[in-house]
Amino acid sequence: MLSMIAAAGGGISVRANNTKAGLNAIFDEINRMEKKKFKTHVYADYEDRFQYFLAISILLLIIEIMLVNRKPNWTGKINLFEKNNNL
């Protein structure tokens, strides 16, 4: 049955068992086949999903820059880098 299928498809049928004789016949037949080179095209299709987060972060950055110019009164009382001689 396999021989008939191989003949219908224009191929050959080789009985391969535990001996290497059958496998060698298959490898020889593969090596006789016409060699072809195939080109592959690799591309990536990315979806833009982070533009909303980028817009929100830029908006918050602009708001923060505007608020830095206004300094609350209580922050003037905090001196982190000056020595206190009262201690």
PDB file of N, CA and C in Angstrom:
ATOM      1  N   MET A   1       0.829  -1.193   0.000  1.00  0.00           N
ATOM      2  CA  MET A   1       0.000   0.000   0.000  1.00  0.00           C
ATOM      3  C   MET A   1       0.875   1.260   0.000  1.00  0.00           C
ATOM      4  N   LEU A   2       1.946   1.268   0.832  1.00  0.00           N
ATOM      5  CA  LEU A   2       2.827   2.429   0.871  1.00  0.00           C
ATOM      6  C   LEU A   2       3.561   2.610  -0.451  1.00  0.00           C
ATOM      7  N   SER A   3       3.900   1.509  -1.101  1.00  0.00           N
ATOM      8  CA  SER A   3       4.563   1.590  -2.408  1.00  0.00           C
ATOM      9  C   SER A   3       3.643   2.224  -3.443  1.00  0.00           C
ATOM     10  N   MET A   4       2.342   1.894  -3.377  1.00  0.00           N
ATOM     11  CA  MET A   4       1.377   2.466  -4.318  1.00  0.00           C
ATOM     12  C   MET A   4       1.200   3.969  -4.056  1.00  0.00           C
ATOM     13  N   ILE A   5       1.191   4.360  -2.804  1.00  0.00           N
ATOM     14  CA  ILE A   5       1.061   5.784  -2.468  1.00  0.00           C
ATOM     15  C   ILE A   5       2.292   6.553  -2.925  1.00  0.00           C
ATOM     16  N   ALA A   6       3.478   5.967  -2.707  1.00  0.00           N
ATOM     17  CA  ALA A   6       4.716   6.611  -3.138  1.00  0.00           C
ATOM     18  C   ALA A   6       4.770   6.729  -4.661  1.00  0.00           C
ATOM     19  N   ALA A   7       4.329   5.704  -5.377  1.00  0.00           N
ATOM     20  CA  ALA A   7       4.337   5.735  -6.836  1.00  0.00           C
ATOM     21  C   ALA A   7       3.344   6.776  -7.353  1.00  0.00           C
ATOM     22  N   ALA A   8       2.204   6.914  -6.700  1.00  0.00           N
ATOM     23  CA  ALA A   8       1.197   7.893  -7.120  1.00  0.00           C
ATOM     24  C   ALA A   8       1.709   9.314  -6.907  1.00  0.00           C
ATOM     25  N   GLY A   9       2.520   9.515  -5.904  1.00  0.00           N
ATOM     26  CA  GLY A   9       3.064  10.847  -5.622  1.00  0.00           C
ATOM     27  C   GLY A   9       4.383  11.115  -6.303  1.00  0.00           C
ATOM     28  N   GLY A  10       4.881  10.169  -7.074  1.00  0.00           N
ATOM     29  CA  GLY A  10       6.148  10.351  -7.765  1.00  0.00           C
ATOM     30  C   GLY A  10       7.345  10.144  -6.863  1.00  0.00           C
ATOM     31  N   GLY A  11       7.194   9.409  -5.789  1.00  0.00           N
ATOM     32  CA  GLY A  11       8.283   9.163  -4.852  1.00  0.00           C
ATOM     33  C   GLY A  11       8.686   7.710  -4.826  1.00  0.00           C
ATOM     34  N   ILE A  12       9.445   7.337  -3.843  1.00  0.00           N
ATOM     35  CA  ILE A  12       9.867   5.948  -3.702  1.00  0.00           C
ATOM     36  C   ILE A  12       9.497   5.474  -2.305  1.00  0.00           C
ATOM     37  N   SER A  13       9.469   4.188  -2.163  1.00  0.00           N
ATOM     38  CA  SER A  13       9.183   3.572  -0.876  1.00  0.00           C
ATOM     39  C   SER A  13      10.373   2.692  -0.506  1.00  0.00           C
ATOM     40  N   VAL A  14      10.904   2.889   0.692  1.00  0.00           N
ATOM     41  CA  VAL A  14      12.045   2.102   1.164  1.00  0.00           C
ATOM     42  C   VAL A  14      11.665   1.530   2.518  1.00  0.00           C
ATOM     43  N   ARG A  15      11.899   0.230   2.653  1.00  0.00           N
ATOM     44  CA  ARG A  15      11.613  -0.403   3.936  1.00  0.00           C
ATOM     45  C   ARG A  15      12.840  -0.213   4.838  1.00  0.00           C
ATOM     46  N   ALA A  16      12.654   0.493   5.935  1.00  0.00           N
ATOM     47  CA  ALA A  16      13.756   0.749   6.868  1.00  0.00           C
ATOM     48  C   ALA A  16      13.408   0.072   8.191  1.00  0.00           C
ATOM     49  N   ASN A  17      14.262  -0.849   8.590  1.00  0.00           N
ATOM     50  CA  ASN A  17      14.070  -1.513   9.873  1.00  0.00           C
ATOM     51  C   ASN A  17      15.261  -1.188  10.758  1.00  0.00           C
ATOM     52  N   ASN A  18      15.654  -2.058  11.632  1.00  0.00           N
ATOM     53  CA  ASN A  18      16.743  -1.784  12.558  1.00  0.00           C
ATOM     54  C   ASN A  18      18.109  -1.698  11.884  1.00  0.00           C
ATOM     55  N   THR A  19      18.220  -2.191  10.660  1.00  0.00           N
ATOM     56  CA  THR A  19      19.511  -2.113   9.966  1.00  0.00           C
ATOM     57  C   THR A  19      19.665  -0.740   9.333  1.00  0.00           C
ATOM     58  N   LYS A  20      20.925  -0.382   9.077  1.00  0.00           N
ATOM     59  CA  LYS A  20      21.195   0.925   8.494  1.00  0.00           C
ATOM     60  C   LYS A  20      21.045   0.927   6.981  1.00  0.00           C
ATOM     61  N   ALA A  21      20.813  -0.226   6.390  1.00  0.00           N
ATOM     62  CA  ALA A  21      20.717  -0.308   4.930  1.00  0.00           C
ATOM     63  C   ALA A  21      19.537   0.510   4.413  1.00  0.00           C
ATOM     64  N   GLY A  22      18.413   0.410   5.062  1.00  0.00           N
ATOM     65  CA  GLY A  22      17.231   1.170   4.641  1.00  0.00           C
ATOM     66  C   GLY A  22      17.415   2.665   4.848  1.00  0.00           C
ATOM     67  N   LEU A  23      18.018   3.026   5.967  1.00  0.00           N
ATOM     68  CA  LEU A  23      18.240   4.443   6.241  1.00  0.00           C
ATOM     69  C   LEU A  23      19.266   5.046   5.288  1.00  0.00           C
ATOM     70  N   ASN A  24      20.296   4.271   4.951  1.00  0.00           N
ATOM     71  CA  ASN A  24      21.297   4.773   4.004  1.00  0.00           C
ATOM     72  C   ASN A  24      20.668   5.030   2.635  1.00  0.00           C
ATOM     73  N   ALA A  25      19.747   4.181   2.218  1.00  0.00           N
ATOM     74  CA  ALA A  25      19.067   4.380   0.939  1.00  0.00           C
ATOM     75  C   ALA A  25      18.238   5.662   0.967  1.00  0.00           C
ATOM     76  N   ILE A  26      17.595   5.911   2.091  1.00  0.00           N
ATOM     77  CA  ILE A  26      16.793   7.133   2.227  1.00  0.00           C
ATOM     78  C   ILE A  26      17.697   8.365   2.189  1.00  0.00           C
ATOM     79  N   PHE A  27      18.809   8.327   2.927  1.00  0.00           N
ATOM     80  CA  PHE A  27      19.727   9.468   2.947  1.00  0.00           C
ATOM     81  C   PHE A  27      20.359   9.702   1.574  1.00  0.00           C
ATOM     82  N   ASP A  28      20.670   8.638   0.858  1.00  0.00           N
ATOM     83  CA  ASP A  28      21.220   8.779  -0.492  1.00  0.00           C
ATOM     84  C   ASP A  28      20.212   9.436  -1.424  1.00  0.00           C
ATOM     85  N   GLU A  29      18.977   9.051  -1.297  1.00  0.00           N
ATOM     86  CA  GLU A  29      17.924   9.628  -2.153  1.00  0.00           C
ATOM     87  C   GLU A  29      17.691  11.102  -1.810  1.00  0.00           C
ATOM     88  N   ILE A  30      17.765  11.434  -0.558  1.00  0.00           N
ATOM     89  CA  ILE A  30      17.619  12.838  -0.149  1.00  0.00           C
ATOM     90  C   ILE A  30      18.775  13.664  -0.684  1.00  0.00           C
ATOM     91  N   ASN A  31      19.983  13.122  -0.639  1.00  0.00           N
ATOM     92  CA  ASN A  31      21.149  13.850  -1.139  1.00  0.00           C
ATOM     93  C   ASN A  31      21.103  14.042  -2.651  1.00  0.00           C
ATOM     94  N   ARG A  32      20.414  13.172  -3.378  1.00  0.00           N
ATOM     95  CA  ARG A  32      20.293  13.306  -4.833  1.00  0.00           C
ATOM     96  C   ARG A  32      19.273  14.367  -5.230  1.00  0.00           C
ATOM     97  N   MET A  33      18.418  14.726  -4.316  1.00  0.00           N
ATOM     98  CA  MET A  33      17.374  15.702  -4.638  1.00  0.00           C
ATOM     99  C   MET A  33      17.993  17.062  -4.922  1.00  0.00           C
ATOM    100  N   GLU A  34      17.260  17.859  -5.666  1.00  0.00           N
ATOM    101  CA  GLU A  34      17.735  19.190  -6.029  1.00  0.00           C
ATOM    102  C   GLU A  34      17.776  20.074  -4.778  1.00  0.00           C
ATOM    103  N   LYS A  35      18.880  20.750  -4.615  1.00  0.00           N
ATOM    104  CA  LYS A  35      19.051  21.634  -3.463  1.00  0.00           C
ATOM    105  C   LYS A  35      18.528  23.022  -3.827  1.00  0.00           C
ATOM    106  N   LYS A  36      17.785  23.601  -2.950  1.00  0.00           N
ATOM    107  CA  LYS A  36      17.228  24.936  -3.171  1.00  0.00           C
ATOM    108  C   LYS A  36      17.508  25.798  -1.952  1.00  0.00           C
ATOM    109  N   LYS A  37      17.670  27.065  -2.209  1.00  0.00           N
ATOM    110  CA  LYS A  37      17.808  28.020  -1.109  1.00  0.00           C
ATOM    111  C   LYS A  37      16.489  28.746  -0.945  1.00  0.00           C
ATOM    112  N   PHE A  38      16.110  28.917   0.276  1.00  0.00           N
ATOM    113  CA  PHE A  38      14.871  29.606   0.583  1.00  0.00           C
ATOM    114  C   PHE A  38      15.193  30.908   1.297  1.00  0.00           C
ATOM    115  N   LYS A  39      14.499  31.931   0.931  1.00  0.00           N
ATOM    116  CA  LYS A  39      14.652  33.214   1.615  1.00  0.00           C
ATOM    117  C   LYS A  39      13.574  33.332   2.673  1.00  0.00           C
ATOM    118  N   THR A  40      13.958  33.917   3.748  1.00  0.00           N
ATOM    119  CA  THR A  40      12.980  34.162   4.798  1.00  0.00           C
ATOM    120  C   THR A  40      12.926  35.655   5.077  1.00  0.00           C
ATOM    121  N   HIS A  41      11.766  36.125   5.335  1.00  0.00           N
ATOM    122  CA  HIS A  41      11.562  37.520   5.685  1.00  0.00           C
ATOM    123  C   HIS A  41      11.050  37.563   7.119  1.00  0.00           C
ATOM    124  N   VAL A  42      11.778  38.246   7.945  1.00  0.00           N
ATOM    125  CA  VAL A  42      11.385  38.368   9.343  1.00  0.00           C
ATOM    126  C   VAL A  42      10.974  39.814   9.587  1.00  0.00           C
ATOM    127  N   TYR A  43       9.816  39.989  10.105  1.00  0.00           N
ATOM    128  CA  TYR A  43       9.356  41.330  10.431  1.00  0.00           C
ATOM    129  C   TYR A  43       8.579  41.265  11.732  1.00  0.00           C
ATOM    130  N   ALA A  44       8.508  42.391  12.356  1.00  0.00           N
ATOM    131  CA  ALA A  44       7.772  42.469  13.618  1.00  0.00           C
ATOM    132  C   ALA A  44       6.714  43.549  13.491  1.00  0.00           C
ATOM    133  N   ASP A  45       5.546  43.241  13.911  1.00  0.00           N
ATOM    134  CA  ASP A  45       4.437  44.182  13.882  1.00  0.00           C
ATOM    135  C   ASP A  45       4.097  44.532  15.322  1.00  0.00           C
ATOM    136  N   TYR A  46       4.520  45.716  15.742  1.00  0.00           N
ATOM    137  CA  TYR A  46       4.313  46.136  17.118  1.00  0.00           C
ATOM    138  C   TYR A  46       3.049  46.982  17.222  1.00  0.00           C
ATOM    139  N   GLU A  47       2.362  46.808  18.310  1.00  0.00           N
ATOM    140  CA  GLU A  47       1.200  47.634  18.582  1.00  0.00           C
ATOM    141  C   GLU A  47       1.600  48.694  19.595  1.00  0.00           C
ATOM    142  N   ASP A  48       1.211  49.932  19.313  1.00  0.00           N
ATOM    143  CA  ASP A  48       1.502  51.021  20.240  1.00  0.00           C
ATOM    144  C   ASP A  48       0.467  50.992  21.358  1.00  0.00           C
ATOM    145  N   ARG A  49       0.920  50.653  22.540  1.00  0.00           N
ATOM    146  CA  ARG A  49       0.003  50.549  23.670  1.00  0.00           C
ATOM    147  C   ARG A  49       0.347  51.505  24.795  1.00  0.00           C
ATOM    148  N   PHE A  50       1.489  52.161  24.709  1.00  0.00           N
ATOM    149  CA  PHE A  50       1.945  52.941  25.845  1.00  0.00           C
ATOM    150  C   PHE A  50       1.845  54.436  25.611  1.00  0.00           C
ATOM    151  N   GLN A  51       1.214  54.891  24.553  1.00  0.00           N
ATOM    152  CA  GLN A  51       1.133  56.306  24.298  1.00  0.00           C
ATOM    153  C   GLN A  51       0.246  57.019  25.321  1.00  0.00           C
ATOM    154  N   TYR A  52      -0.721  56.332  25.871  1.00  0.00           N
ATOM    155  CA  TYR A  52      -1.578  56.951  26.882  1.00  0.00           C
ATOM    156  C   TYR A  52      -0.789  57.204  28.168  1.00  0.00           C
ATOM    157  N   PHE A  53       0.012  56.229  28.574  1.00  0.00           N
ATOM    158  CA  PHE A  53       0.835  56.408  29.766  1.00  0.00           C
ATOM    159  C   PHE A  53       1.876  57.495  29.547  1.00  0.00           C
ATOM    160  N   LEU A  54       2.409  57.587  28.351  1.00  0.00           N
ATOM    161  CA  LEU A  54       3.381  58.624  28.032  1.00  0.00           C
ATOM    162  C   LEU A  54       2.726  60.003  28.096  1.00  0.00           C
ATOM    163  N   ALA A  55       1.530  60.133  27.563  1.00  0.00           N
ATOM    164  CA  ALA A  55       0.822  61.417  27.601  1.00  0.00           C
ATOM    165  C   ALA A  55       0.505  61.826  29.035  1.00  0.00           C
ATOM    166  N   ILE A  56       0.064  60.873  29.856  1.00  0.00           N
ATOM    167  CA  ILE A  56      -0.238  61.182  31.261  1.00  0.00           C
ATOM    168  C   ILE A  56       1.026  61.584  32.005  1.00  0.00           C
ATOM    169  N   SER A  57       2.136  60.888  31.751  1.00  0.00           N
ATOM    170  CA  SER A  57       3.376  61.221  32.459  1.00  0.00           C
ATOM    171  C   SER A  57       3.907  62.583  32.036  1.00  0.00           C
ATOM    172  N   ILE A  58       3.792  62.938  30.765  1.00  0.00           N
ATOM    173  CA  ILE A  58       4.230  64.270  30.320  1.00  0.00           C
ATOM    174  C   ILE A  58       3.349  65.344  30.936  1.00  0.00           C
ATOM    175  N   LEU A  59       2.053  65.099  31.003  1.00  0.00           N
ATOM    176  CA  LEU A  59       1.136  66.056  31.632  1.00  0.00           C
ATOM    177  C   LEU A  59       1.483  66.246  33.106  1.00  0.00           C
ATOM    178  N   LEU A  60       1.735  65.160  33.819  1.00  0.00           N
ATOM    179  CA  LEU A  60       2.091  65.275  35.233  1.00  0.00           C
ATOM    180  C   LEU A  60       3.448  65.964  35.411  1.00  0.00           C
ATOM    181  N   LEU A  61       4.361  65.750  34.508  1.00  0.00           N
ATOM    182  CA  LEU A  61       5.659  66.423  34.562  1.00  0.00           C
ATOM    183  C   LEU A  61       5.508  67.931  34.367  1.00  0.00           C
ATOM    184  N   ILE A  62       4.648  68.337  33.447  1.00  0.00           N
ATOM    185  CA  ILE A  62       4.396  69.770  33.227  1.00  0.00           C
ATOM    186  C   ILE A  62       3.736  70.392  34.455  1.00  0.00           C
ATOM    187  N   ILE A  63       2.791  69.682  35.041  1.00  0.00           N
ATOM    188  CA  ILE A  63       2.133  70.189  36.258  1.00  0.00           C
ATOM    189  C   ILE A  63       3.140  70.319  37.388  1.00  0.00           C
ATOM    190  N   GLU A  64       4.043  69.350  37.526  1.00  0.00           N
ATOM    191  CA  GLU A  64       5.046  69.397  38.581  1.00  0.00           C
ATOM    192  C   GLU A  64       6.008  70.560  38.372  1.00  0.00           C
ATOM    193  N   ILE A  65       6.382  70.837  37.141  1.00  0.00           N
ATOM    194  CA  ILE A  65       7.266  71.971  36.860  1.00  0.00           C
ATOM    195  C   ILE A  65       6.582  73.280  37.218  1.00  0.00           C
ATOM    196  N   MET A  66       5.282  73.390  36.970  1.00  0.00           N
ATOM    197  CA  MET A  66       4.544  74.612  37.321  1.00  0.00           C
ATOM    198  C   MET A  66       4.445  74.787  38.827  1.00  0.00           C
ATOM    199  N   LEU A  67       4.305  73.688  39.553  1.00  0.00           N
ATOM    200  CA  LEU A  67       4.129  73.786  41.004  1.00  0.00           C
ATOM    201  C   LEU A  67       5.445  73.982  41.747  1.00  0.00           C
ATOM    202  N   VAL A  68       6.566  73.700  41.144  1.00  0.00           N
ATOM    203  CA  VAL A  68       7.849  73.854  41.813  1.00  0.00           C
ATOM    204  C   VAL A  68       8.126  75.323  42.089  1.00  0.00           C
ATOM    205  N   ASN A  69       7.658  76.214  41.239  1.00  0.00           N
ATOM    206  CA  ASN A  69       7.904  77.639  41.430  1.00  0.00           C
ATOM    207  C   ASN A  69       7.198  78.176  42.669  1.00  0.00           C
ATOM    208  N   ARG A  70       6.105  77.586  43.037  1.00  0.00           N
ATOM    209  CA  ARG A  70       5.406  77.982  44.264  1.00  0.00           C
ATOM    210  C   ARG A  70       5.936  77.133  45.405  1.00  0.00           C
ATOM    211  N   LYS A  71       6.483  77.781  46.388  1.00  0.00           N
ATOM    212  CA  LYS A  71       7.032  77.054  47.521  1.00  0.00           C
ATOM    213  C   LYS A  71       6.168  77.354  48.745  1.00  0.00           C
ATOM    214  N   PRO A  72       5.641  76.355  49.395  1.00  0.00           N
ATOM    215  CA  PRO A  72       4.827  76.613  50.597  1.00  0.00           C
ATOM    216  C   PRO A  72       5.684  77.187  51.732  1.00  0.00           C
ATOM    217  N   ASN A  73       5.040  77.882  52.656  1.00  0.00           N
ATOM    218  CA  ASN A  73       5.741  78.531  53.766  1.00  0.00           C
ATOM    219  C   ASN A  73       6.401  77.527  54.704  1.00  0.00           C
ATOM    220  N   TRP A  74       5.819  76.388  54.926  1.00  0.00           N
ATOM    221  CA  TRP A  74       6.365  75.436  55.890  1.00  0.00           C
ATOM    222  C   TRP A  74       7.650  74.786  55.393  1.00  0.00           C
ATOM    223  N   THR A  75       7.895  74.787  54.072  1.00  0.00           N
ATOM    224  CA  THR A  75       9.137  74.198  53.581  1.00  0.00           C
ATOM    225  C   THR A  75      10.335  75.096  53.841  1.00  0.00           C
ATOM    226  N   GLY A  76      10.111  76.369  54.064  1.00  0.00           N
ATOM    227  CA  GLY A  76      11.212  77.277  54.381  1.00  0.00           C
ATOM    228  C   GLY A  76      11.772  77.042  55.771  1.00  0.00           C
ATOM    229  N   LYS A  77      11.011  76.418  56.654  1.00  0.00           N
ATOM    230  CA  LYS A  77      11.453  76.140  58.020  1.00  0.00           C
ATOM    231  C   LYS A  77      12.343  74.905  58.100  1.00  0.00           C
ATOM    232  N   ILE A  78      12.344  74.102  57.091  1.00  0.00           N
ATOM    233  CA  ILE A  78      13.129  72.866  57.099  1.00  0.00           C
ATOM    234  C   ILE A  78      14.505  73.155  56.518  1.00  0.00           C
ATOM    235  N   ASN A  79      15.538  72.913  57.321  1.00  0.00           N
ATOM    236  CA  ASN A  79      16.909  73.093  56.883  1.00  0.00           C
ATOM    237  C   ASN A  79      17.627  71.756  57.010  1.00  0.00           C
ATOM    238  N   LEU A  80      17.746  71.043  55.936  1.00  0.00           N
ATOM    239  CA  LEU A  80      18.353  69.722  55.986  1.00  0.00           C
ATOM    240  C   LEU A  80      19.875  69.773  55.980  1.00  0.00           C
ATOM    241  N   PHE A  81      20.461  70.762  55.347  1.00  0.00           N
ATOM    242  CA  PHE A  81      21.903  70.768  55.156  1.00  0.00           C
ATOM    243  C   PHE A  81      22.629  71.831  55.962  1.00  0.00           C
ATOM    244  N   GLU A  82      21.948  72.479  56.854  1.00  0.00           N
ATOM    245  CA  GLU A  82      22.600  73.471  57.709  1.00  0.00           C
ATOM    246  C   GLU A  82      22.777  72.913  59.099  1.00  0.00           C
ATOM    247  N   LYS A  83      23.913  73.283  59.710  1.00  0.00           N
ATOM    248  CA  LYS A  83      24.169  72.806  61.067  1.00  0.00           C
ATOM    249  C   LYS A  83      23.351  73.631  62.050  1.00  0.00           C
ATOM    250  N   ASN A  84      22.893  72.951  63.061  1.00  0.00           N
ATOM    251  CA  ASN A  84      22.147  73.622  64.124  1.00  0.00           C
ATOM    252  C   ASN A  84      23.063  73.706  65.340  1.00  0.00           C
ATOM    253  N   ASN A  85      23.450  74.920  65.749  1.00  0.00           N
ATOM    254  CA  ASN A  85      24.356  75.107  66.866  1.00  0.00           C
ATOM    255  C   ASN A  85      23.654  75.041  68.226  1.00  0.00           C
ATOM    256  N   ASN A  86      22.361  74.934  68.262  1.00  0.00           N
ATOM    257  CA  ASN A  86      21.632  74.910  69.521  1.00  0.00           C
ATOM    258  C   ASN A  86      21.735  73.554  70.204  1.00  0.00           C
ATOM    259  N   LEU A  87      22.178  72.527  69.526  1.00  0.00           N
ATOM    260  CA  LEU A  87      22.229  71.199  70.136  1.00  0.00           C
ATOM    261  C   LEU A  87      23.408  71.026  70.964  1.00  0.00           C
TER     262      LEU A  87
END
